[in-house]
Amino acid sequence: MIENNTRDKTIAIINTQAPFSTAVGKEALDAALIFGSYEQATSLFFLGDGVFQVIGDQNASAIEIKDYLKTFSALEFYDIENIYVCKSSLQERNLSENFHMSNIQVLSNKDFSQRLHQHNVIYRF
């Protein structure tokens, strides 16, 4: 008999969309919180336009959309501490490391890829 222990799985969630262009960013965050609530080892990755989700001082009320970015502060309560941002994605968009979270690690393309592929399950949003 083979046991399927889901606690041994590591989950990576890749965020590739800007925060307010679609609901995808909120859906990725919701998925991370659900996995965290089940004590799954979950890491967040931000790539491409997804890096806009971690940039601080954004005002969603200016475009009359509910600001889900404040929910990122709940990640620590779900033991989601591994948050990675692609350095070249920041540079391509001329963004500084002005993040609304303090535990973000900015990684080179190579390190980003290596860290990502250490996970058993990868979800791309």
PDB file of N, CA and C in Angstrom:
ATOM      1  N   MET A   1       0.838  -1.178   0.000  1.00  0.00           N
ATOM      2  CA  MET A   1       0.000   0.000   0.000  1.00  0.00           C
ATOM      3  C   MET A   1       0.889   1.248   0.000  1.00  0.00           C
ATOM      4  N   ILE A   2       0.608   2.175  -0.901  1.00  0.00           N
ATOM      5  CA  ILE A   2       1.370   3.422  -1.004  1.00  0.00           C
ATOM      6  C   ILE A   2       0.611   4.515  -0.268  1.00  0.00           C
ATOM      7  N   GLU A   3       1.319   5.190   0.615  1.00  0.00           N
ATOM      8  CA  GLU A   3       0.705   6.295   1.340  1.00  0.00           C
ATOM      9  C   GLU A   3       0.965   7.588   0.602  1.00  0.00           C
ATOM     10  N   ASN A   4      -0.049   8.386   0.494  1.00  0.00           N
ATOM     11  CA  ASN A   4       0.076   9.696  -0.133  1.00  0.00           C
ATOM     12  C   ASN A   4       0.028  10.749   0.960  1.00  0.00           C
ATOM     13  N   ASN A   5       1.181  11.133   1.444  1.00  0.00           N
ATOM     14  CA  ASN A   5       1.257  12.124   2.501  1.00  0.00           C
ATOM     15  C   ASN A   5       1.419  13.502   1.884  1.00  0.00           C
ATOM     16  N   THR A   6       0.341  14.276   1.856  1.00  0.00           N
ATOM     17  CA  THR A   6       0.385  15.596   1.235  1.00  0.00           C
ATOM     18  C   THR A   6       1.241  16.579   2.014  1.00  0.00           C
ATOM     19  N   ARG A   7       1.544  16.284   3.274  1.00  0.00           N
ATOM     20  CA  ARG A   7       2.387  17.192   4.052  1.00  0.00           C
ATOM     21  C   ARG A   7       3.825  17.202   3.544  1.00  0.00           C
ATOM     22  N   ASP A   8       4.221  16.177   2.779  1.00  0.00           N
ATOM     23  CA  ASP A   8       5.577  16.120   2.248  1.00  0.00           C
ATOM     24  C   ASP A   8       5.733  16.914   0.955  1.00  0.00           C
ATOM     25  N   LYS A   9       4.641  17.355   0.389  1.00  0.00           N
ATOM     26  CA  LYS A   9       4.698  18.106  -0.860  1.00  0.00           C
ATOM     27  C   LYS A   9       5.064  19.556  -0.590  1.00  0.00           C
ATOM     28  N   THR A  10       5.850  20.094  -1.485  1.00  0.00           N
ATOM     29  CA  THR A  10       6.148  21.518  -1.430  1.00  0.00           C
ATOM     30  C   THR A  10       5.469  22.170  -2.625  1.00  0.00           C
ATOM     31  N   ILE A  11       4.835  23.279  -2.381  1.00  0.00           N
ATOM     32  CA  ILE A  11       4.016  23.935  -3.392  1.00  0.00           C
ATOM     33  C   ILE A  11       4.620  25.288  -3.740  1.00  0.00           C
ATOM     34  N   ALA A  12       4.735  25.527  -5.035  1.00  0.00           N
ATOM     35  CA  ALA A  12       5.172  26.834  -5.540  1.00  0.00           C
ATOM     36  C   ALA A  12       4.008  27.468  -6.279  1.00  0.00           C
ATOM     37  N   ILE A  13       3.757  28.728  -5.994  1.00  0.00           N
ATOM     38  CA  ILE A  13       2.738  29.484  -6.706  1.00  0.00           C
ATOM     39  C   ILE A  13       3.445  30.619  -7.423  1.00  0.00           C
ATOM     40  N   ILE A  14       3.368  30.602  -8.753  1.00  0.00           N
ATOM     41  CA  ILE A  14       4.013  31.626  -9.572  1.00  0.00           C
ATOM     42  C   ILE A  14       2.982  32.681  -9.943  1.00  0.00           C
ATOM     43  N   ASN A  15       3.277  33.911  -9.617  1.00  0.00           N
ATOM     44  CA  ASN A  15       2.414  35.045  -9.954  1.00  0.00           C
ATOM     45  C   ASN A  15       3.005  35.757 -11.161  1.00  0.00           C
ATOM     46  N   THR A  16       2.236  35.834 -12.245  1.00  0.00           N
ATOM     47  CA  THR A  16       2.750  36.433 -13.482  1.00  0.00           C
ATOM     48  C   THR A  16       1.920  37.614 -13.970  1.00  0.00           C
ATOM     49  N   GLN A  17       0.866  37.962 -13.236  1.00  0.00           N
ATOM     50  CA  GLN A  17      -0.045  39.016 -13.683  1.00  0.00           C
ATOM     51  C   GLN A  17       0.036  40.236 -12.777  1.00  0.00           C
ATOM     52  N   ALA A  18      -0.147  41.410 -13.374  1.00  0.00           N
ATOM     53  CA  ALA A  18      -0.214  42.648 -12.594  1.00  0.00           C
ATOM     54  C   ALA A  18      -1.400  42.567 -11.638  1.00  0.00           C
ATOM     55  N   PRO A  19      -1.358  43.271 -10.525  1.00  0.00           N
ATOM     56  CA  PRO A  19      -2.349  43.062  -9.468  1.00  0.00           C
ATOM     57  C   PRO A  19      -3.794  43.407  -9.808  1.00  0.00           C
ATOM     58  N   PHE A  20      -4.053  44.405 -10.590  1.00  0.00           N
ATOM     59  CA  PHE A  20      -5.433  44.836 -10.769  1.00  0.00           C
ATOM     60  C   PHE A  20      -5.939  44.688 -12.198  1.00  0.00           C
ATOM     61  N   SER A  21      -5.172  44.015 -13.046  1.00  0.00           N
ATOM     62  CA  SER A  21      -5.616  43.825 -14.428  1.00  0.00           C
ATOM     63  C   SER A  21      -6.672  42.731 -14.532  1.00  0.00           C
ATOM     64  N   THR A  22      -6.560  41.705 -13.704  1.00  0.00           N
ATOM     65  CA  THR A  22      -7.528  40.610 -13.647  1.00  0.00           C
ATOM     66  C   THR A  22      -7.637  40.161 -12.191  1.00  0.00           C
ATOM     67  N   ALA A  23      -8.445  39.149 -11.941  1.00  0.00           N
ATOM     68  CA  ALA A  23      -8.586  38.601 -10.584  1.00  0.00           C
ATOM     69  C   ALA A  23      -7.545  37.529 -10.289  1.00  0.00           C
ATOM     70  N   VAL A  24      -6.649  37.268 -11.222  1.00  0.00           N
ATOM     71  CA  VAL A  24      -5.688  36.183 -11.092  1.00  0.00           C
ATOM     72  C   VAL A  24      -4.783  36.352  -9.875  1.00  0.00           C
ATOM     73  N   GLY A  25      -4.318  37.548  -9.608  1.00  0.00           N
ATOM     74  CA  GLY A  25      -3.444  37.783  -8.460  1.00  0.00           C
ATOM     75  C   GLY A  25      -4.126  37.454  -7.150  1.00  0.00           C
ATOM     76  N   LYS A  26      -5.376  37.870  -7.010  1.00  0.00           N
ATOM     77  CA  LYS A  26      -6.135  37.556  -5.796  1.00  0.00           C
ATOM     78  C   LYS A  26      -6.366  36.054  -5.693  1.00  0.00           C
ATOM     79  N   GLU A  27      -6.642  35.410  -6.805  1.00  0.00           N
ATOM     80  CA  GLU A  27      -6.858  33.962  -6.791  1.00  0.00           C
ATOM     81  C   GLU A  27      -5.590  33.220  -6.366  1.00  0.00           C
ATOM     82  N   ALA A  28      -4.430  33.691  -6.808  1.00  0.00           N
ATOM     83  CA  ALA A  28      -3.162  33.075  -6.407  1.00  0.00           C
ATOM     84  C   ALA A  28      -2.933  33.241  -4.910  1.00  0.00           C
ATOM     85  N   LEU A  29      -3.219  34.429  -4.396  1.00  0.00           N
ATOM     86  CA  LEU A  29      -3.070  34.675  -2.966  1.00  0.00           C
ATOM     87  C   LEU A  29      -4.040  33.815  -2.159  1.00  0.00           C
ATOM     88  N   ASP A  30      -5.277  33.714  -2.627  1.00  0.00           N
ATOM     89  CA  ASP A  30      -6.261  32.861  -1.947  1.00  0.00           C
ATOM     90  C   ASP A  30      -5.788  31.409  -1.917  1.00  0.00           C
ATOM     91  N   ALA A  31      -5.246  30.932  -3.035  1.00  0.00           N
ATOM     92  CA  ALA A  31      -4.740  29.552  -3.088  1.00  0.00           C
ATOM     93  C   ALA A  31      -3.613  29.360  -2.081  1.00  0.00           C
ATOM     94  N   ALA A  32      -2.711  30.321  -2.003  1.00  0.00           N
ATOM     95  CA  ALA A  32      -1.595  30.229  -1.057  1.00  0.00           C
ATOM     96  C   ALA A  32      -2.106  30.149   0.379  1.00  0.00           C
ATOM     97  N   LEU A  33      -3.095  30.961   0.704  1.00  0.00           N
ATOM     98  CA  LEU A  33      -3.646  30.958   2.054  1.00  0.00           C
ATOM     99  C   LEU A  33      -4.366  29.644   2.360  1.00  0.00           C
ATOM    100  N   ILE A  34      -5.027  29.088   1.377  1.00  0.00           N
ATOM    101  CA  ILE A  34      -5.693  27.789   1.584  1.00  0.00           C
ATOM    102  C   ILE A  34      -4.659  26.705   1.841  1.00  0.00           C
ATOM    103  N   PHE A  35      -3.623  26.661   1.002  1.00  0.00           N
ATOM    104  CA  PHE A  35      -2.569  25.660   1.218  1.00  0.00           C
ATOM    105  C   PHE A  35      -1.919  25.848   2.582  1.00  0.00           C
ATOM    106  N   GLY A  36      -1.668  27.099   2.939  1.00  0.00           N
ATOM    107  CA  GLY A  36      -1.073  27.388   4.242  1.00  0.00           C
ATOM    108  C   GLY A  36      -1.953  26.956   5.390  1.00  0.00           C
ATOM    109  N   SER A  37      -3.251  27.108   5.232  1.00  0.00           N
ATOM    110  CA  SER A  37      -4.164  26.713   6.310  1.00  0.00           C
ATOM    111  C   SER A  37      -4.158  25.200   6.523  1.00  0.00           C
ATOM    112  N   TYR A  38      -3.746  24.456   5.500  1.00  0.00           N
ATOM    113  CA  TYR A  38      -3.600  22.999   5.622  1.00  0.00           C
ATOM    114  C   TYR A  38      -2.151  22.594   5.898  1.00  0.00           C
ATOM    115  N   GLU A  39      -1.367  23.556   6.330  1.00  0.00           N
ATOM    116  CA  GLU A  39       0.031  23.343   6.704  1.00  0.00           C
ATOM    117  C   GLU A  39       0.872  22.756   5.571  1.00  0.00           C
ATOM    118  N   GLN A  40       0.557  23.141   4.345  1.00  0.00           N
ATOM    119  CA  GLN A  40       1.363  22.756   3.199  1.00  0.00           C
ATOM    120  C   GLN A  40       2.542  23.728   3.094  1.00  0.00           C
ATOM    121  N   ALA A  41       3.713  23.209   2.801  1.00  0.00           N
ATOM    122  CA  ALA A  41       4.885  24.067   2.599  1.00  0.00           C
ATOM    123  C   ALA A  41       4.695  24.807   1.280  1.00  0.00           C
ATOM    124  N   THR A  42       4.421  26.101   1.370  1.00  0.00           N
ATOM    125  CA  THR A  42       4.065  26.902   0.202  1.00  0.00           C
ATOM    126  C   THR A  42       5.029  28.067   0.047  1.00  0.00           C
ATOM    127  N   SER A  43       5.464  28.291  -1.197  1.00  0.00           N
ATOM    128  CA  SER A  43       6.322  29.424  -1.524  1.00  0.00           C
ATOM    129  C   SER A  43       5.657  30.235  -2.623  1.00  0.00           C
ATOM    130  N   LEU A  44       5.872  31.537  -2.596  1.00  0.00           N
ATOM    131  CA  LEU A  44       5.342  32.422  -3.629  1.00  0.00           C
ATOM    132  C   LEU A  44       6.471  32.940  -4.494  1.00  0.00           C
ATOM    133  N   PHE A  45       6.241  32.955  -5.794  1.00  0.00           N
ATOM    134  CA  PHE A  45       7.204  33.442  -6.771  1.00  0.00           C
ATOM    135  C   PHE A  45       6.533  34.528  -7.604  1.00  0.00           C
ATOM    136  N   PHE A  46       7.265  35.606  -7.861  1.00  0.00           N
ATOM    137  CA  PHE A  46       6.737  36.711  -8.652  1.00  0.00           C
ATOM    138  C   PHE A  46       7.646  36.927  -9.856  1.00  0.00           C
ATOM    139  N   LEU A  47       7.043  36.847 -11.039  1.00  0.00           N
ATOM    140  CA  LEU A  47       7.774  36.844 -12.295  1.00  0.00           C
ATOM    141  C   LEU A  47       7.014  37.688 -13.310  1.00  0.00           C
ATOM    142  N   GLY A  48       7.725  38.330 -14.223  1.00  0.00           N
ATOM    143  CA  GLY A  48       7.056  39.141 -15.239  1.00  0.00           C
ATOM    144  C   GLY A  48       6.279  40.264 -14.585  1.00  0.00           C
ATOM    145  N   ASP A  49       5.068  40.520 -15.105  1.00  0.00           N
ATOM    146  CA  ASP A  49       4.232  41.576 -14.527  1.00  0.00           C
ATOM    147  C   ASP A  49       3.762  41.247 -13.119  1.00  0.00           C
ATOM    148  N   GLY A  50       3.933  40.014 -12.684  1.00  0.00           N
ATOM    149  CA  GLY A  50       3.575  39.630 -11.326  1.00  0.00           C
ATOM    150  C   GLY A  50       4.354  40.394 -10.270  1.00  0.00           C
ATOM    151  N   VAL A  51       5.529  40.921 -10.628  1.00  0.00           N
ATOM    152  CA  VAL A  51       6.326  41.668  -9.648  1.00  0.00           C
ATOM    153  C   VAL A  51       5.603  42.926  -9.163  1.00  0.00           C
ATOM    154  N   PHE A  52       4.670  43.436  -9.970  1.00  0.00           N
ATOM    155  CA  PHE A  52       3.910  44.616  -9.548  1.00  0.00           C
ATOM    156  C   PHE A  52       3.097  44.334  -8.285  1.00  0.00           C
ATOM    157  N   GLN A  53       2.781  43.063  -8.010  1.00  0.00           N
ATOM    158  CA  GLN A  53       1.982  42.726  -6.832  1.00  0.00           C
ATOM    159  C   GLN A  53       2.711  42.994  -5.523  1.00  0.00           C
ATOM    160  N   VAL A  54       4.024  42.997  -5.530  1.00  0.00           N
ATOM    161  CA  VAL A  54       4.776  43.178  -4.285  1.00  0.00           C
ATOM    162  C   VAL A  54       5.311  44.589  -4.094  1.00  0.00           C
ATOM    163  N   ILE A  55       5.072  45.451  -5.059  1.00  0.00           N
ATOM    164  CA  ILE A  55       5.550  46.834  -4.960  1.00  0.00           C
ATOM    165  C   ILE A  55       4.662  47.618  -3.996  1.00  0.00           C
ATOM    166  N   GLY A  56       5.272  48.341  -3.087  1.00  0.00           N
ATOM    167  CA  GLY A  56       4.539  49.098  -2.068  1.00  0.00           C
ATOM    168  C   GLY A  56       3.914  50.356  -2.610  1.00  0.00           C
ATOM    169  N   ASP A  57       3.132  50.995  -1.777  1.00  0.00           N
ATOM    170  CA  ASP A  57       2.498  52.288  -2.066  1.00  0.00           C
ATOM    171  C   ASP A  57       1.617  52.275  -3.308  1.00  0.00           C
ATOM    172  N   GLN A  58       0.793  51.245  -3.443  1.00  0.00           N
ATOM    173  CA  GLN A  58      -0.180  51.209  -4.531  1.00  0.00           C
ATOM    174  C   GLN A  58      -1.538  51.591  -3.968  1.00  0.00           C
ATOM    175  N   ASN A  59      -2.328  52.275  -4.773  1.00  0.00           N
ATOM    176  CA  ASN A  59      -3.619  52.757  -4.310  1.00  0.00           C
ATOM    177  C   ASN A  59      -4.715  52.240  -5.245  1.00  0.00           C
ATOM    178  N   ALA A  60      -5.344  51.144  -4.854  1.00  0.00           N
ATOM    179  CA  ALA A  60      -6.401  50.547  -5.684  1.00  0.00           C
ATOM    180  C   ALA A  60      -7.669  51.386  -5.689  1.00  0.00           C
ATOM    181  N   SER A  61      -7.859  52.190  -4.668  1.00  0.00           N
ATOM    182  CA  SER A  61      -9.081  52.996  -4.620  1.00  0.00           C
ATOM    183  C   SER A  61      -9.117  54.014  -5.759  1.00  0.00           C
ATOM    184  N   ALA A  62      -7.964  54.370  -6.292  1.00  0.00           N
ATOM    185  CA  ALA A  62      -7.920  55.311  -7.403  1.00  0.00           C
ATOM    186  C   ALA A  62      -8.598  54.736  -8.646  1.00  0.00           C
ATOM    187  N   ILE A  63      -8.611  53.408  -8.767  1.00  0.00           N
ATOM    188  CA  ILE A  63      -9.279  52.775  -9.908  1.00  0.00           C
ATOM    189  C   ILE A  63     -10.532  52.016  -9.463  1.00  0.00           C
ATOM    190  N   GLU A  64     -10.963  52.289  -8.240  1.00  0.00           N
ATOM    191  CA  GLU A  64     -12.198  51.751  -7.673  1.00  0.00           C
ATOM    192  C   GLU A  64     -12.254  50.219  -7.699  1.00  0.00           C
ATOM    193  N   ILE A  65     -11.167  49.613  -7.257  1.00  0.00           N
ATOM    194  CA  ILE A  65     -11.083  48.161  -7.154  1.00  0.00           C
ATOM    195  C   ILE A  65     -10.685  47.825  -5.726  1.00  0.00           C
ATOM    196  N   LYS A  66     -11.242  46.730  -5.204  1.00  0.00           N
ATOM    197  CA  LYS A  66     -10.892  46.305  -3.849  1.00  0.00           C
ATOM    198  C   LYS A  66      -9.420  45.912  -3.804  1.00  0.00           C
ATOM    199  N   ASP A  67      -8.718  46.434  -2.822  1.00  0.00           N
ATOM    200  CA  ASP A  67      -7.278  46.210  -2.690  1.00  0.00           C
ATOM    201  C   ASP A  67      -7.011  44.935  -1.909  1.00  0.00           C
ATOM    202  N   TYR A  68      -6.665  43.864  -2.624  1.00  0.00           N
ATOM    203  CA  TYR A  68      -6.353  42.596  -1.966  1.00  0.00           C
ATOM    204  C   TYR A  68      -4.895  42.536  -1.523  1.00  0.00           C
ATOM    205  N   LEU A  69      -4.067  43.468  -1.949  1.00  0.00           N
ATOM    206  CA  LEU A  69      -2.637  43.422  -1.637  1.00  0.00           C
ATOM    207  C   LEU A  69      -2.376  43.501  -0.130  1.00  0.00           C
ATOM    208  N   LYS A  70      -3.268  44.120   0.605  1.00  0.00           N
ATOM    209  CA  LYS A  70      -3.108  44.200   2.058  1.00  0.00           C
ATOM    210  C   LYS A  70      -3.176  42.820   2.704  1.00  0.00           C
ATOM    211  N   THR A  71      -3.798  41.873   2.013  1.00  0.00           N
ATOM    212  CA  THR A  71      -3.934  40.520   2.543  1.00  0.00           C
ATOM    213  C   THR A  71      -2.586  39.801   2.586  1.00  0.00           C
ATOM    214  N   PHE A  72      -1.603  40.271   1.843  1.00  0.00           N
ATOM    215  CA  PHE A  72      -0.271  39.661   1.888  1.00  0.00           C
ATOM    216  C   PHE A  72       0.289  39.665   3.316  1.00  0.00           C
ATOM    217  N   SER A  73      -0.150  40.619   4.127  1.00  0.00           N
ATOM    218  CA  SER A  73       0.345  40.668   5.507  1.00  0.00           C
ATOM    219  C   SER A  73      -0.089  39.444   6.318  1.00  0.00           C
ATOM    220  N   ALA A  74      -1.090  38.717   5.847  1.00  0.00           N
ATOM    221  CA  ALA A  74      -1.562  37.512   6.549  1.00  0.00           C
ATOM    222  C   ALA A  74      -0.682  36.296   6.287  1.00  0.00           C
ATOM    223  N   LEU A  75       0.208  36.379   5.327  1.00  0.00           N
ATOM    224  CA  LEU A  75       1.020  35.216   4.961  1.00  0.00           C
ATOM    225  C   LEU A  75       1.805  34.655   6.141  1.00  0.00           C
ATOM    226  N   GLU A  76       2.324  35.513   6.972  1.00  0.00           N
ATOM    227  CA  GLU A  76       3.121  35.035   8.108  1.00  0.00           C
ATOM    228  C   GLU A  76       2.295  34.191   9.071  1.00  0.00           C
ATOM    229  N   PHE A  77       1.001  34.457   9.188  1.00  0.00           N
ATOM    230  CA  PHE A  77       0.138  33.666  10.064  1.00  0.00           C
ATOM    231  C   PHE A  77      -0.093  32.252   9.526  1.00  0.00           C
ATOM    232  N   TYR A  78       0.163  32.088   8.231  1.00  0.00           N
ATOM    233  CA  TYR A  78       0.007  30.781   7.582  1.00  0.00           C
ATOM    234  C   TYR A  78       1.368  30.121   7.339  1.00  0.00           C
ATOM    235  N   ASP A  79       2.391  30.658   7.958  1.00  0.00           N
ATOM    236  CA  ASP A  79       3.764  30.152   7.824  1.00  0.00           C
ATOM    237  C   ASP A  79       4.253  30.137   6.380  1.00  0.00           C
ATOM    238  N   ILE A  80       3.809  31.104   5.600  1.00  0.00           N
ATOM    239  CA  ILE A  80       4.312  31.257   4.230  1.00  0.00           C
ATOM    240  C   ILE A  80       5.382  32.340   4.288  1.00  0.00           C
ATOM    241  N   GLU A  81       6.620  31.886   4.317  1.00  0.00           N
ATOM    242  CA  GLU A  81       7.737  32.807   4.525  1.00  0.00           C
ATOM    243  C   GLU A  81       8.661  32.895   3.331  1.00  0.00           C
ATOM    244  N   ASN A  82       8.545  31.963   2.390  1.00  0.00           N
ATOM    245  CA  ASN A  82       9.425  31.950   1.229  1.00  0.00           C
ATOM    246  C   ASN A  82       8.763  32.693   0.077  1.00  0.00           C
ATOM    247  N   ILE A  83       9.220  33.925  -0.121  1.00  0.00           N
ATOM    248  CA  ILE A  83       8.659  34.782  -1.156  1.00  0.00           C
ATOM    249  C   ILE A  83       9.815  35.267  -2.020  1.00  0.00           C
ATOM    250  N   TYR A  84       9.719  34.964  -3.313  1.00  0.00           N
ATOM    251  CA  TYR A  84      10.831  35.226  -4.222  1.00  0.00           C
ATOM    252  C   TYR A  84      10.382  36.109  -5.385  1.00  0.00           C
ATOM    253  N   VAL A  85      11.245  37.049  -5.750  1.00  0.00           N
ATOM    254  CA  VAL A  85      10.991  37.956  -6.862  1.00  0.00           C
ATOM    255  C   VAL A  85      12.144  37.834  -7.850  1.00  0.00           C
ATOM    256  N   CYS A  86      11.794  37.787  -9.118  1.00  0.00           N
ATOM    257  CA  CYS A  86      12.797  37.710 -10.183  1.00  0.00           C
ATOM    258  C   CYS A  86      13.428  39.090 -10.392  1.00  0.00           C
ATOM    259  N   LYS A  87      14.722  39.154 -10.207  1.00  0.00           N
ATOM    260  CA  LYS A  87      15.453  40.425 -10.319  1.00  0.00           C
ATOM    261  C   LYS A  87      15.337  41.026 -11.717  1.00  0.00           C
ATOM    262  N   SER A  88      15.456  40.211 -12.748  1.00  0.00           N
ATOM    263  CA  SER A  88      15.386  40.750 -14.110  1.00  0.00           C
ATOM    264  C   SER A  88      13.983  41.277 -14.424  1.00  0.00           C
ATOM    265  N   SER A  89      12.946  40.694 -13.838  1.00  0.00           N
ATOM    266  CA  SER A  89      11.585  41.216 -14.038  1.00  0.00           C
ATOM    267  C   SER A  89      11.457  42.609 -13.436  1.00  0.00           C
ATOM    268  N   LEU A  90      12.071  42.823 -12.276  1.00  0.00           N
ATOM    269  CA  LEU A  90      12.087  44.160 -11.676  1.00  0.00           C
ATOM    270  C   LEU A  90      12.836  45.135 -12.573  1.00  0.00           C
ATOM    271  N   GLN A  91      14.015  44.729 -13.036  1.00  0.00           N
ATOM    272  CA  GLN A  91      14.842  45.605 -13.859  1.00  0.00           C
ATOM    273  C   GLN A  91      14.176  45.949 -15.186  1.00  0.00           C
ATOM    274  N   GLU A  92      13.540  44.971 -15.822  1.00  0.00           N
ATOM    275  CA  GLU A  92      12.859  45.215 -17.101  1.00  0.00           C
ATOM    276  C   GLU A  92      11.733  46.225 -16.961  1.00  0.00           C
ATOM    277  N   ARG A  93      11.168  46.340 -15.783  1.00  0.00           N
ATOM    278  CA  ARG A  93      10.057  47.263 -15.540  1.00  0.00           C
ATOM    279  C   ARG A  93      10.508  48.515 -14.790  1.00  0.00           C
ATOM    280  N   ASN A  94      11.804  48.675 -14.633  1.00  0.00           N
ATOM    281  CA  ASN A  94      12.388  49.829 -13.945  1.00  0.00           C
ATOM    282  C   ASN A  94      11.795  50.022 -12.546  1.00  0.00           C
ATOM    283  N   LEU A  95      11.622  48.922 -11.826  1.00  0.00           N
ATOM    284  CA  LEU A  95      11.067  48.975 -10.478  1.00  0.00           C
ATOM    285  C   LEU A  95      12.171  48.831  -9.444  1.00  0.00           C
ATOM    286  N   SER A  96      12.054  49.589  -8.382  1.00  0.00           N
ATOM    287  CA  SER A  96      12.996  49.456  -7.281  1.00  0.00           C
ATOM    288  C   SER A  96      12.479  48.397  -6.315  1.00  0.00           C
ATOM    289  N   GLU A  97      13.288  48.057  -5.369  1.00  0.00           N
ATOM    290  CA  GLU A  97      12.905  47.053  -4.369  1.00  0.00           C
ATOM    291  C   GLU A  97      12.131  47.714  -3.234  1.00  0.00           C
ATOM    292  N   ASN A  98      11.079  48.417  -3.596  1.00  0.00           N
ATOM    293  CA  ASN A  98      10.184  49.077  -2.648  1.00  0.00           C
ATOM    294  C   ASN A  98       8.985  48.157  -2.431  1.00  0.00           C
ATOM    295  N   PHE A  99       9.147  47.172  -1.541  1.00  0.00           N
ATOM    296  CA  PHE A  99       8.132  46.151  -1.352  1.00  0.00           C
ATOM    297  C   PHE A  99       7.242  46.464  -0.159  1.00  0.00           C
ATOM    298  N   HIS A 100       6.011  45.957  -0.194  1.00  0.00           N
ATOM    299  CA  HIS A 100       5.111  46.127   0.945  1.00  0.00           C
ATOM    300  C   HIS A 100       5.243  44.981   1.940  1.00  0.00           C
ATOM    301  N   MET A 101       6.201  44.071   1.706  1.00  0.00           N
ATOM    302  CA  MET A 101       6.515  42.991   2.644  1.00  0.00           C
ATOM    303  C   MET A 101       8.015  43.018   2.886  1.00  0.00           C
ATOM    304  N   SER A 102       8.430  42.565   4.045  1.00  0.00           N
ATOM    305  CA  SER A 102       9.852  42.661   4.374  1.00  0.00           C
ATOM    306  C   SER A 102      10.640  41.394   4.083  1.00  0.00           C
ATOM    307  N   ASN A 103       9.995  40.271   3.929  1.00  0.00           N
ATOM    308  CA  ASN A 103      10.723  39.010   3.807  1.00  0.00           C
ATOM    309  C   ASN A 103      10.879  38.525   2.367  1.00  0.00           C
ATOM    310  N   ILE A 104      10.954  39.426   1.427  1.00  0.00           N
ATOM    311  CA  ILE A 104      11.090  39.063   0.018  1.00  0.00           C
ATOM    312  C   ILE A 104      12.554  38.898  -0.342  1.00  0.00           C
ATOM    313  N   GLN A 105      12.827  37.830  -1.081  1.00  0.00           N
ATOM    314  CA  GLN A 105      14.173  37.592  -1.575  1.00  0.00           C
ATOM    315  C   GLN A 105      14.187  37.847  -3.085  1.00  0.00           C
ATOM    316  N   VAL A 106      15.060  38.724  -3.525  1.00  0.00           N
ATOM    317  CA  VAL A 106      15.215  39.010  -4.948  1.00  0.00           C
ATOM    318  C   VAL A 106      16.308  38.085  -5.474  1.00  0.00           C
ATOM    319  N   LEU A 107      15.974  37.324  -6.521  1.00  0.00           N
ATOM    320  CA  LEU A 107      16.892  36.309  -7.034  1.00  0.00           C
ATOM    321  C   LEU A 107      17.191  36.520  -8.512  1.00  0.00           C
ATOM    322  N   SER A 108      18.394  36.139  -8.906  1.00  0.00           N
ATOM    323  CA  SER A 108      18.764  36.138 -10.323  1.00  0.00           C
ATOM    324  C   SER A 108      17.913  35.095 -11.047  1.00  0.00           C
ATOM    325  N   ASN A 109      17.900  35.139 -12.372  1.00  0.00           N
ATOM    326  CA  ASN A 109      17.125  34.160 -13.144  1.00  0.00           C
ATOM    327  C   ASN A 109      17.514  32.731 -12.778  1.00  0.00           C
ATOM    328  N   LYS A 110      18.799  32.487 -12.679  1.00  0.00           N
ATOM    329  CA  LYS A 110      19.290  31.139 -12.382  1.00  0.00           C
ATOM    330  C   LYS A 110      18.825  30.684 -11.005  1.00  0.00           C
ATOM    331  N   ASP A 111      19.016  31.534  -9.987  1.00  0.00           N
ATOM    332  CA  ASP A 111      18.615  31.180  -8.625  1.00  0.00           C
ATOM    333  C   ASP A 111      17.093  31.048  -8.504  1.00  0.00           C
ATOM    334  N   PHE A 112      16.376  31.912  -9.207  1.00  0.00           N
ATOM    335  CA  PHE A 112      14.916  31.864  -9.212  1.00  0.00           C
ATOM    336  C   PHE A 112      14.450  30.512  -9.754  1.00  0.00           C
ATOM    337  N   SER A 113      15.015  30.109 -10.871  1.00  0.00           N
ATOM    338  CA  SER A 113      14.662  28.831 -11.499  1.00  0.00           C
ATOM    339  C   SER A 113      15.018  27.647 -10.604  1.00  0.00           C
ATOM    340  N   GLN A 114      16.203  27.693 -10.029  1.00  0.00           N
ATOM    341  CA  GLN A 114      16.621  26.601  -9.149  1.00  0.00           C
ATOM    342  C   GLN A 114      15.693  26.481  -7.942  1.00  0.00           C
ATOM    343  N   ARG A 115      15.356  27.596  -7.339  1.00  0.00           N
ATOM    344  CA  ARG A 115      14.477  27.591  -6.164  1.00  0.00           C
ATOM    345  C   ARG A 115      13.093  27.061  -6.547  1.00  0.00           C
ATOM    346  N   LEU A 116      12.604  27.507  -7.698  1.00  0.00           N
ATOM    347  CA  LEU A 116      11.294  27.070  -8.165  1.00  0.00           C
ATOM    348  C   LEU A 116      11.246  25.557  -8.363  1.00  0.00           C
ATOM    349  N   HIS A 117      12.277  25.010  -8.955  1.00  0.00           N
ATOM    350  CA  HIS A 117      12.284  23.585  -9.289  1.00  0.00           C
ATOM    351  C   HIS A 117      12.616  22.681  -8.097  1.00  0.00           C
ATOM    352  N   GLN A 118      12.766  23.250  -6.931  1.00  0.00           N
ATOM    353  CA  GLN A 118      12.898  22.459  -5.708  1.00  0.00           C
ATOM    354  C   GLN A 118      11.534  22.039  -5.170  1.00  0.00           C
ATOM    355  N   HIS A 119      10.461  22.525  -5.788  1.00  0.00           N
ATOM    356  CA  HIS A 119       9.100  22.241  -5.337  1.00  0.00           C
ATOM    357  C   HIS A 119       8.510  21.068  -6.101  1.00  0.00           C
ATOM    358  N   ASN A 120       7.653  20.306  -5.422  1.00  0.00           N
ATOM    359  CA  ASN A 120       6.989  19.162  -6.048  1.00  0.00           C
ATOM    360  C   ASN A 120       5.836  19.550  -6.941  1.00  0.00           C
ATOM    361  N   VAL A 121       5.116  20.604  -6.556  1.00  0.00           N
ATOM    362  CA  VAL A 121       3.917  21.030  -7.274  1.00  0.00           C
ATOM    363  C   VAL A 121       4.072  22.517  -7.592  1.00  0.00           C
ATOM    364  N   ILE A 122       3.800  22.879  -8.855  1.00  0.00           N
ATOM    365  CA  ILE A 122       3.934  24.270  -9.274  1.00  0.00           C
ATOM    366  C   ILE A 122       2.612  24.719  -9.908  1.00  0.00           C
ATOM    367  N   TYR A 123       2.065  25.799  -9.384  1.00  0.00           N
ATOM    368  CA  TYR A 123       0.862  26.405  -9.948  1.00  0.00           C
ATOM    369  C   TYR A 123       1.249  27.756 -10.532  1.00  0.00           C
ATOM    370  N   ARG A 124       0.784  28.027 -11.732  1.00  0.00           N
ATOM    371  CA  ARG A 124       1.104  29.296 -12.390  1.00  0.00           C
ATOM    372  C   ARG A 124      -0.185  30.105 -12.556  1.00  0.00           C
ATOM    373  N   PHE A 125      -0.159  31.308 -12.039  1.00  0.00           N
ATOM    374  CA  PHE A 125      -1.302  32.204 -12.149  1.00  0.00           C
ATOM    375  C   PHE A 125      -0.933  33.414 -12.979  1.00  0.00           C
TER     376      PHE A 125
END
